[in-house]
Amino acid sequence: MKKHLFFHRDKPFRPKGGRFDGVPFDPEKQLAVIRGSICTGERVAGFKDKTTGTFTEVMLIQSHKDEEQFKKMYQLDSVKTEY
């Protein structure tokens, strides 16, 4: 698997019986966010803690298809983008 600057996971997420063995998401404590770099253009989807602001990376976004996959994995209607 090709490694990217902001992509630190060894394996992509794979569904197991309709569930994902990846990063857990708690909508009461976290916000779904796509972080984008204005310098390199790289985009990473993940979760931002509402109280501490800590960002947890989930996956690299290289296309609109990746963004739709992220939304589908976590059953999201929309995702905020931060730069």
C-alpha atoms as a PDB file:
ATOM      1  CA  MET A   1       0.000   0.000   0.000  1.00  0.00           C
ATOM      2  CA  LYS A   2       1.271   3.417  -0.908  1.00  0.00           C
ATOM      3  CA  LYS A   3       2.057   5.645   2.081  1.00  0.00           C
ATOM      4  CA  HIS A   4       1.046   9.302   2.075  1.00  0.00           C
ATOM      5  CA  LEU A   5       2.143  12.239   4.169  1.00  0.00           C
ATOM      6  CA  PHE A   6      -0.965  12.301   6.389  1.00  0.00           C
ATOM      7  CA  PHE A   7      -2.035   8.665   6.040  1.00  0.00           C
ATOM      8  CA  HIS A   8      -0.738   6.668   8.996  1.00  0.00           C
ATOM      9  CA  ARG A   9      -2.900   3.562   8.897  1.00  0.00           C
ATOM     10  CA  ASP A  10      -1.471   0.270   7.653  1.00  0.00           C
ATOM     11  CA  LYS A  11      -4.699  -0.976   6.075  1.00  0.00           C
ATOM     12  CA  PRO A  12      -7.746   0.691   4.580  1.00  0.00           C
ATOM     13  CA  PHE A  13     -11.069   0.110   6.287  1.00  0.00           C
ATOM     14  CA  ARG A  14     -12.955  -3.017   5.289  1.00  0.00           C
ATOM     15  CA  PRO A  15     -16.536  -3.766   6.261  1.00  0.00           C
ATOM     16  CA  LYS A  16     -17.074  -6.818   8.481  1.00  0.00           C
ATOM     17  CA  GLY A  17     -20.703  -7.852   8.685  1.00  0.00           C
ATOM     18  CA  GLY A  18     -21.888  -4.315   7.990  1.00  0.00           C
ATOM     19  CA  ARG A  19     -19.600  -2.825  10.663  1.00  0.00           C
ATOM     20  CA  PHE A  20     -16.219  -1.226  10.312  1.00  0.00           C
ATOM     21  CA  ASP A  21     -13.236  -2.214  12.434  1.00  0.00           C
ATOM     22  CA  GLY A  22     -11.835   1.275  12.153  1.00  0.00           C
ATOM     23  CA  VAL A  23     -11.915   4.462  14.151  1.00  0.00           C
ATOM     24  CA  PRO A  24     -15.049   4.736  16.315  1.00  0.00           C
ATOM     25  CA  PHE A  25     -17.188   7.849  15.830  1.00  0.00           C
ATOM     26  CA  ASP A  26     -19.271   9.454  18.600  1.00  0.00           C
ATOM     27  CA  PRO A  27     -21.343  12.299  17.092  1.00  0.00           C
ATOM     28  CA  GLU A  28     -22.021  13.741  20.557  1.00  0.00           C
ATOM     29  CA  LYS A  29     -18.303  14.233  21.257  1.00  0.00           C
ATOM     30  CA  GLN A  30     -16.800  14.505  17.767  1.00  0.00           C
ATOM     31  CA  LEU A  31     -17.311  16.336  14.478  1.00  0.00           C
ATOM     32  CA  ALA A  32     -16.700  14.702  11.102  1.00  0.00           C
ATOM     33  CA  VAL A  33     -14.192  16.910   9.270  1.00  0.00           C
ATOM     34  CA  ILE A  34     -12.087  16.883   6.124  1.00  0.00           C
ATOM     35  CA  ARG A  35      -8.795  18.681   6.664  1.00  0.00           C
ATOM     36  CA  GLY A  36      -7.286  20.211   3.572  1.00  0.00           C
ATOM     37  CA  SER A  37      -3.803  21.616   3.091  1.00  0.00           C
ATOM     38  CA  ILE A  38      -3.716  24.924   1.228  1.00  0.00           C
ATOM     39  CA  CYS A  39      -0.062  24.258   0.326  1.00  0.00           C
ATOM     40  CA  THR A  40      -0.161  20.708  -1.027  1.00  0.00           C
ATOM     41  CA  GLY A  41      -3.869  20.255  -1.677  1.00  0.00           C
ATOM     42  CA  GLU A  42      -3.890  16.997   0.271  1.00  0.00           C
ATOM     43  CA  ARG A  43      -7.151  16.174   2.056  1.00  0.00           C
ATOM     44  CA  VAL A  44      -7.659  13.839   5.038  1.00  0.00           C
ATOM     45  CA  ALA A  45     -10.996  12.788   6.522  1.00  0.00           C
ATOM     46  CA  GLY A  46     -11.324  12.228  10.227  1.00  0.00           C
ATOM     47  CA  PHE A  47     -12.912  13.304  13.469  1.00  0.00           C
ATOM     48  CA  LYS A  48     -12.296  16.403  15.554  1.00  0.00           C
ATOM     49  CA  ASP A  49     -12.987  16.260  19.282  1.00  0.00           C
ATOM     50  CA  LYS A  50     -15.441  19.022  20.231  1.00  0.00           C
ATOM     51  CA  THR A  51     -13.785  19.811  23.564  1.00  0.00           C
ATOM     52  CA  THR A  52     -10.049  19.455  22.902  1.00  0.00           C
ATOM     53  CA  GLY A  53      -9.898  19.999  19.130  1.00  0.00           C
ATOM     54  CA  THR A  54      -7.806  16.841  18.702  1.00  0.00           C
ATOM     55  CA  PHE A  55      -8.016  15.454  15.160  1.00  0.00           C
ATOM     56  CA  THR A  56      -8.095  11.693  14.526  1.00  0.00           C
ATOM     57  CA  GLU A  57      -7.272  10.694  10.936  1.00  0.00           C
ATOM     58  CA  VAL A  58      -9.420   8.057   9.268  1.00  0.00           C
ATOM     59  CA  MET A  59      -8.585   8.087   5.567  1.00  0.00           C
ATOM     60  CA  LEU A  60      -6.932  10.017   2.761  1.00  0.00           C
ATOM     61  CA  ILE A  61      -9.340  11.738   0.365  1.00  0.00           C
ATOM     62  CA  GLN A  62      -8.021  11.647  -3.197  1.00  0.00           C
ATOM     63  CA  SER A  63     -11.295  11.979  -5.091  1.00  0.00           C
ATOM     64  CA  HIS A  64     -14.985  12.676  -4.704  1.00  0.00           C
ATOM     65  CA  LYS A  65     -15.491   8.900  -4.587  1.00  0.00           C
ATOM     66  CA  ASP A  66     -13.305   8.664  -1.445  1.00  0.00           C
ATOM     67  CA  GLU A  67     -15.334  11.424   0.208  1.00  0.00           C
ATOM     68  CA  GLU A  68     -18.582   9.596  -0.591  1.00  0.00           C
ATOM     69  CA  GLN A  69     -17.111   6.363   0.796  1.00  0.00           C
ATOM     70  CA  PHE A  70     -16.214   8.139   4.064  1.00  0.00           C
ATOM     71  CA  LYS A  71     -19.761   9.500   4.352  1.00  0.00           C
ATOM     72  CA  LYS A  72     -21.218   6.067   3.654  1.00  0.00           C
ATOM     73  CA  MET A  73     -18.926   4.308   6.157  1.00  0.00           C
ATOM     74  CA  TYR A  74     -20.024   6.579   8.989  1.00  0.00           C
ATOM     75  CA  GLN A  75     -23.574   7.299   7.746  1.00  0.00           C
ATOM     76  CA  LEU A  76     -23.003  11.046   7.324  1.00  0.00           C
ATOM     77  CA  ASP A  77     -25.044  13.468   5.193  1.00  0.00           C
ATOM     78  CA  SER A  78     -22.341  16.130   4.932  1.00  0.00           C
ATOM     79  CA  VAL A  79     -18.798  16.751   6.103  1.00  0.00           C
ATOM     80  CA  LYS A  80     -17.283  20.128   6.952  1.00  0.00           C
ATOM     81  CA  THR A  81     -13.967  21.050   5.311  1.00  0.00           C
ATOM     82  CA  GLU A  82     -11.276  22.897   7.285  1.00  0.00           C
ATOM     83  CA  TYR A  83      -8.046  24.425   5.977  1.00  0.00           C
END
